[in-house]
Amino acid sequence: MLLTLAAFAATPNLAFSAAMNQYLACMSAGVPADIAARDLATRSQVYRAAAARCRGEREAAIAAAVQGRQPGTSEAQARSLAIDIIDTLDPLSSMRKH
């Protein structure tokens, strides 16, 4: 997985980057400006509401990662990596065991 991540980072997927920008823009819409100052439970609740609202943009970003994957990277690897990248936005992601 680390080699796939390194390859992904070394050769950026422009379609994935553009799709992620769309996802981030969607996620940012309506989020309070002081979200970082809020408690973890509130941040998580706001994130989950935004993620539910932006489901289409998330799927588009994952599809772009799969479509633009590097040779030697399977569809499953590209999908998994894109999901891992997206899921790091979740305020609770650092609390999950890997």
N, C-alpha and C. Protein backbone atom coordinates (compact mmCIF):
# COMPACT_ATOMS: atom_id res chain seq x y z
N MET A 1 0.82 -1.19 0.00
CA MET A 1 0.00 0.00 0.00
C MET A 1 0.86 1.25 0.00
N LEU A 2 1.96 1.24 0.75
CA LEU A 2 2.84 2.41 0.79
C LEU A 2 3.46 2.67 -0.58
N LEU A 3 3.81 1.61 -1.30
CA LEU A 3 4.38 1.81 -2.64
C LEU A 3 3.34 2.42 -3.57
N THR A 4 2.10 1.98 -3.45
CA THR A 4 1.04 2.53 -4.27
C THR A 4 0.84 4.01 -3.94
N LEU A 5 0.85 4.33 -2.65
CA LEU A 5 0.71 5.72 -2.23
C LEU A 5 1.86 6.57 -2.75
N ALA A 6 3.08 6.04 -2.67
CA ALA A 6 4.25 6.77 -3.17
C ALA A 6 4.14 6.99 -4.68
N ALA A 7 3.71 5.97 -5.41
CA ALA A 7 3.56 6.12 -6.86
C ALA A 7 2.46 7.12 -7.19
N PHE A 8 1.40 7.09 -6.42
CA PHE A 8 0.29 8.02 -6.62
C PHE A 8 0.74 9.45 -6.39
N ALA A 9 1.52 9.65 -5.35
CA ALA A 9 2.01 10.99 -5.03
C ALA A 9 3.05 11.48 -6.03
N ALA A 10 3.85 10.56 -6.54
CA ALA A 10 4.92 10.94 -7.47
C ALA A 10 4.37 11.31 -8.85
N THR A 11 3.28 10.69 -9.23
CA THR A 11 2.68 10.96 -10.54
C THR A 11 1.22 11.34 -10.33
N PRO A 12 0.96 12.60 -10.09
CA PRO A 12 -0.39 13.02 -9.73
C PRO A 12 -1.41 12.73 -10.82
N ASN A 13 -2.57 12.37 -10.39
CA ASN A 13 -3.70 12.11 -11.25
C ASN A 13 -4.50 13.41 -11.32
N LEU A 14 -4.39 14.12 -12.42
CA LEU A 14 -5.02 15.43 -12.53
C LEU A 14 -6.54 15.37 -12.45
N ALA A 15 -7.12 14.31 -12.99
CA ALA A 15 -8.58 14.18 -12.91
C ALA A 15 -9.01 13.97 -11.46
N PHE A 16 -8.25 13.18 -10.71
CA PHE A 16 -8.55 12.97 -9.29
C PHE A 16 -8.40 14.29 -8.53
N SER A 17 -7.35 15.03 -8.83
CA SER A 17 -7.13 16.32 -8.16
C SER A 17 -8.30 17.26 -8.41
N ALA A 18 -8.74 17.34 -9.65
CA ALA A 18 -9.86 18.22 -9.99
C ALA A 18 -11.14 17.76 -9.29
N ALA A 19 -11.37 16.45 -9.28
CA ALA A 19 -12.56 15.92 -8.63
C ALA A 19 -12.51 16.14 -7.12
N MET A 20 -11.31 16.01 -6.54
CA MET A 20 -11.17 16.27 -5.10
C MET A 20 -11.43 17.74 -4.79
N ASN A 21 -11.00 18.63 -5.67
CA ASN A 21 -11.29 20.06 -5.47
C ASN A 21 -12.80 20.30 -5.45
N GLN A 22 -13.52 19.62 -6.33
CA GLN A 22 -14.98 19.74 -6.35
C GLN A 22 -15.58 19.19 -5.06
N TYR A 23 -15.06 18.06 -4.60
CA TYR A 23 -15.54 17.45 -3.36
C TYR A 23 -15.27 18.38 -2.17
N LEU A 24 -14.07 18.92 -2.11
CA LEU A 24 -13.72 19.83 -1.01
C LEU A 24 -14.59 21.10 -1.03
N ALA A 25 -14.86 21.61 -2.22
CA ALA A 25 -15.72 22.78 -2.34
C ALA A 25 -17.13 22.46 -1.83
N CYS A 26 -17.62 21.30 -2.19
CA CYS A 26 -18.93 20.88 -1.72
C CYS A 26 -18.93 20.72 -0.21
N MET A 27 -17.89 20.07 0.31
CA MET A 27 -17.80 19.83 1.76
C MET A 27 -17.70 21.15 2.52
N SER A 28 -17.06 22.15 1.95
CA SER A 28 -16.85 23.42 2.63
C SER A 28 -18.10 24.28 2.67
N ALA A 29 -19.00 24.07 1.73
CA ALA A 29 -20.21 24.89 1.65
C ALA A 29 -21.05 24.71 2.91
N GLY A 30 -21.34 25.80 3.57
CA GLY A 30 -22.20 25.75 4.74
C GLY A 30 -21.53 25.36 6.03
N VAL A 31 -20.22 25.13 6.01
CA VAL A 31 -19.50 24.77 7.23
C VAL A 31 -19.19 26.06 8.00
N PRO A 32 -19.47 26.08 9.30
CA PRO A 32 -19.18 27.29 10.08
C PRO A 32 -17.70 27.67 10.01
N ALA A 33 -17.43 28.95 9.96
CA ALA A 33 -16.04 29.44 9.87
C ALA A 33 -15.21 29.04 11.07
N ASP A 34 -15.84 28.87 12.21
CA ASP A 34 -15.11 28.52 13.42
C ASP A 34 -15.12 27.02 13.73
N ILE A 35 -15.27 26.21 12.70
CA ILE A 35 -15.39 24.76 12.91
C ILE A 35 -14.19 24.18 13.66
N ALA A 36 -13.00 24.69 13.42
CA ALA A 36 -11.80 24.16 14.08
C ALA A 36 -11.84 24.38 15.59
N ALA A 37 -12.57 25.37 16.03
CA ALA A 37 -12.66 25.67 17.46
C ALA A 37 -13.74 24.85 18.16
N ARG A 38 -14.52 24.13 17.40
CA ARG A 38 -15.61 23.34 17.97
C ARG A 38 -15.08 22.03 18.53
N ASP A 39 -15.87 21.40 19.39
CA ASP A 39 -15.46 20.12 19.97
C ASP A 39 -15.53 19.01 18.92
N LEU A 40 -14.89 17.90 19.20
CA LEU A 40 -14.78 16.79 18.26
C LEU A 40 -16.15 16.27 17.84
N ALA A 41 -17.06 16.13 18.76
CA ALA A 41 -18.38 15.62 18.43
C ALA A 41 -19.10 16.54 17.44
N THR A 42 -18.99 17.83 17.63
CA THR A 42 -19.61 18.79 16.72
C THR A 42 -18.94 18.76 15.36
N ARG A 43 -17.61 18.73 15.34
CA ARG A 43 -16.89 18.66 14.05
C ARG A 43 -17.28 17.40 13.29
N SER A 44 -17.39 16.30 13.99
CA SER A 44 -17.75 15.04 13.36
C SER A 44 -19.17 15.10 12.80
N GLN A 45 -20.08 15.69 13.56
CA GLN A 45 -21.47 15.82 13.11
C GLN A 45 -21.55 16.69 11.86
N VAL A 46 -20.83 17.80 11.84
CA VAL A 46 -20.81 18.69 10.68
C VAL A 46 -20.20 17.95 9.48
N TYR A 47 -19.11 17.22 9.71
CA TYR A 47 -18.47 16.46 8.63
C TYR A 47 -19.45 15.44 8.04
N ARG A 48 -20.11 14.69 8.89
CA ARG A 48 -21.03 13.64 8.42
C ARG A 48 -22.18 14.22 7.60
N ALA A 49 -22.70 15.36 8.03
CA ALA A 49 -23.78 16.01 7.28
C ALA A 49 -23.28 16.45 5.90
N ALA A 50 -22.09 17.04 5.88
CA ALA A 50 -21.51 17.48 4.60
C ALA A 50 -21.20 16.28 3.71
N ALA A 51 -20.66 15.21 4.28
CA ALA A 51 -20.33 14.02 3.50
C ALA A 51 -21.59 13.41 2.88
N ALA A 52 -22.68 13.40 3.61
CA ALA A 52 -23.94 12.88 3.08
C ALA A 52 -24.45 13.75 1.93
N ARG A 53 -24.28 15.05 2.08
CA ARG A 53 -24.71 15.99 1.04
C ARG A 53 -23.85 15.89 -0.22
N CYS A 54 -22.59 15.51 -0.05
CA CYS A 54 -21.61 15.52 -1.15
C CYS A 54 -21.27 14.12 -1.66
N ARG A 55 -22.17 13.20 -1.48
CA ARG A 55 -21.92 11.81 -1.88
C ARG A 55 -21.56 11.68 -3.36
N GLY A 56 -22.23 12.42 -4.21
CA GLY A 56 -21.95 12.35 -5.65
C GLY A 56 -20.55 12.82 -5.99
N GLU A 57 -20.10 13.89 -5.34
CA GLU A 57 -18.75 14.40 -5.57
C GLU A 57 -17.69 13.41 -5.07
N ARG A 58 -17.98 12.75 -3.95
CA ARG A 58 -17.06 11.72 -3.42
C ARG A 58 -16.93 10.58 -4.43
N GLU A 59 -18.05 10.11 -4.94
CA GLU A 59 -18.02 9.01 -5.91
C GLU A 59 -17.30 9.43 -7.19
N ALA A 60 -17.48 10.68 -7.60
CA ALA A 60 -16.79 11.17 -8.80
C ALA A 60 -15.27 11.19 -8.58
N ALA A 61 -14.84 11.57 -7.39
CA ALA A 61 -13.40 11.59 -7.09
C ALA A 61 -12.83 10.17 -7.09
N ILE A 62 -13.56 9.24 -6.53
CA ILE A 62 -13.10 7.85 -6.51
C ILE A 62 -13.04 7.30 -7.93
N ALA A 63 -14.06 7.59 -8.72
CA ALA A 63 -14.08 7.13 -10.12
C ALA A 63 -12.92 7.73 -10.90
N ALA A 64 -12.60 9.00 -10.66
CA ALA A 64 -11.48 9.64 -11.35
C ALA A 64 -10.15 8.99 -10.97
N ALA A 65 -10.02 8.61 -9.70
CA ALA A 65 -8.79 7.94 -9.27
C ALA A 65 -8.64 6.60 -9.95
N VAL A 66 -9.74 5.88 -10.09
CA VAL A 66 -9.69 4.57 -10.75
C VAL A 66 -9.38 4.74 -12.23
N GLN A 67 -10.07 5.67 -12.87
CA GLN A 67 -9.88 5.88 -14.30
C GLN A 67 -8.47 6.36 -14.64
N GLY A 68 -7.91 7.21 -13.80
CA GLY A 68 -6.59 7.79 -14.09
C GLY A 68 -5.44 7.08 -13.39
N ARG A 69 -5.67 5.87 -12.94
CA ARG A 69 -4.61 5.16 -12.20
C ARG A 69 -3.41 4.88 -13.08
N GLN A 70 -2.29 4.73 -12.42
CA GLN A 70 -1.03 4.46 -13.11
C GLN A 70 -0.95 2.99 -13.54
N PRO A 71 -0.19 2.71 -14.60
CA PRO A 71 0.01 1.31 -14.99
C PRO A 71 0.57 0.52 -13.81
N GLY A 72 0.07 -0.67 -13.63
CA GLY A 72 0.52 -1.50 -12.53
C GLY A 72 -0.30 -1.33 -11.26
N THR A 73 -1.18 -0.35 -11.25
CA THR A 73 -2.06 -0.13 -10.11
C THR A 73 -3.43 -0.68 -10.46
N SER A 74 -3.91 -1.60 -9.67
CA SER A 74 -5.21 -2.21 -9.95
C SER A 74 -6.34 -1.24 -9.63
N GLU A 75 -7.52 -1.56 -10.15
CA GLU A 75 -8.69 -0.74 -9.84
C GLU A 75 -8.95 -0.73 -8.34
N ALA A 76 -8.81 -1.90 -7.72
CA ALA A 76 -9.05 -2.01 -6.27
C ALA A 76 -8.05 -1.16 -5.49
N GLN A 77 -6.78 -1.16 -5.90
CA GLN A 77 -5.77 -0.36 -5.21
C GLN A 77 -6.06 1.13 -5.36
N ALA A 78 -6.41 1.55 -6.57
CA ALA A 78 -6.70 2.97 -6.82
C ALA A 78 -7.93 3.40 -6.03
N ARG A 79 -8.95 2.56 -6.02
CA ARG A 79 -10.18 2.87 -5.27
C ARG A 79 -9.87 2.96 -3.78
N SER A 80 -9.13 2.00 -3.26
CA SER A 80 -8.78 1.98 -1.84
C SER A 80 -7.97 3.20 -1.45
N LEU A 81 -7.01 3.57 -2.27
CA LEU A 81 -6.18 4.72 -1.98
C LEU A 81 -7.00 6.01 -1.99
N ALA A 82 -7.88 6.15 -2.98
CA ALA A 82 -8.73 7.34 -3.04
C ALA A 82 -9.62 7.43 -1.80
N ILE A 83 -10.19 6.32 -1.41
CA ILE A 83 -11.04 6.31 -0.21
C ILE A 83 -10.22 6.66 1.02
N ASP A 84 -9.01 6.12 1.12
CA ASP A 84 -8.14 6.45 2.26
C ASP A 84 -7.86 7.95 2.31
N ILE A 85 -7.57 8.55 1.16
CA ILE A 85 -7.28 9.98 1.10
C ILE A 85 -8.52 10.78 1.51
N ILE A 86 -9.66 10.43 0.97
CA ILE A 86 -10.90 11.14 1.28
C ILE A 86 -11.24 10.98 2.76
N ASP A 87 -11.08 9.77 3.28
CA ASP A 87 -11.47 9.51 4.66
C ASP A 87 -10.59 10.23 5.69
N THR A 88 -9.42 10.71 5.29
CA THR A 88 -8.60 11.47 6.24
C THR A 88 -9.24 12.81 6.59
N LEU A 89 -10.24 13.23 5.82
CA LEU A 89 -10.95 14.47 6.13
C LEU A 89 -11.85 14.32 7.35
N ASP A 90 -12.24 13.10 7.65
CA ASP A 90 -13.12 12.84 8.79
C ASP A 90 -12.40 13.18 10.07
N PRO A 91 -12.98 14.02 10.93
CA PRO A 91 -12.33 14.39 12.18
C PRO A 91 -11.99 13.19 13.07
N LEU A 92 -12.73 12.11 12.91
CA LEU A 92 -12.48 10.92 13.71
C LEU A 92 -11.47 9.97 13.08
N SER A 93 -10.96 10.30 11.90
CA SER A 93 -10.06 9.39 11.19
C SER A 93 -8.79 9.11 11.96
N SER A 94 -8.29 10.07 12.71
CA SER A 94 -7.05 9.84 13.45
C SER A 94 -7.27 8.97 14.68
N MET A 95 -8.52 8.73 15.03
CA MET A 95 -8.83 7.91 16.19
C MET A 95 -9.05 6.44 15.82
N ARG A 96 -9.15 6.15 14.52
CA ARG A 96 -9.38 4.78 14.07
C ARG A 96 -8.07 4.00 14.07
N LYS A 97 -8.16 2.75 14.39
CA LYS A 97 -6.98 1.88 14.35
C LYS A 97 -6.83 1.36 12.93
N HIS A 98 -5.60 1.34 12.46
CA HIS A 98 -5.33 0.87 11.10
C HIS A 98 -4.78 -0.53 11.12
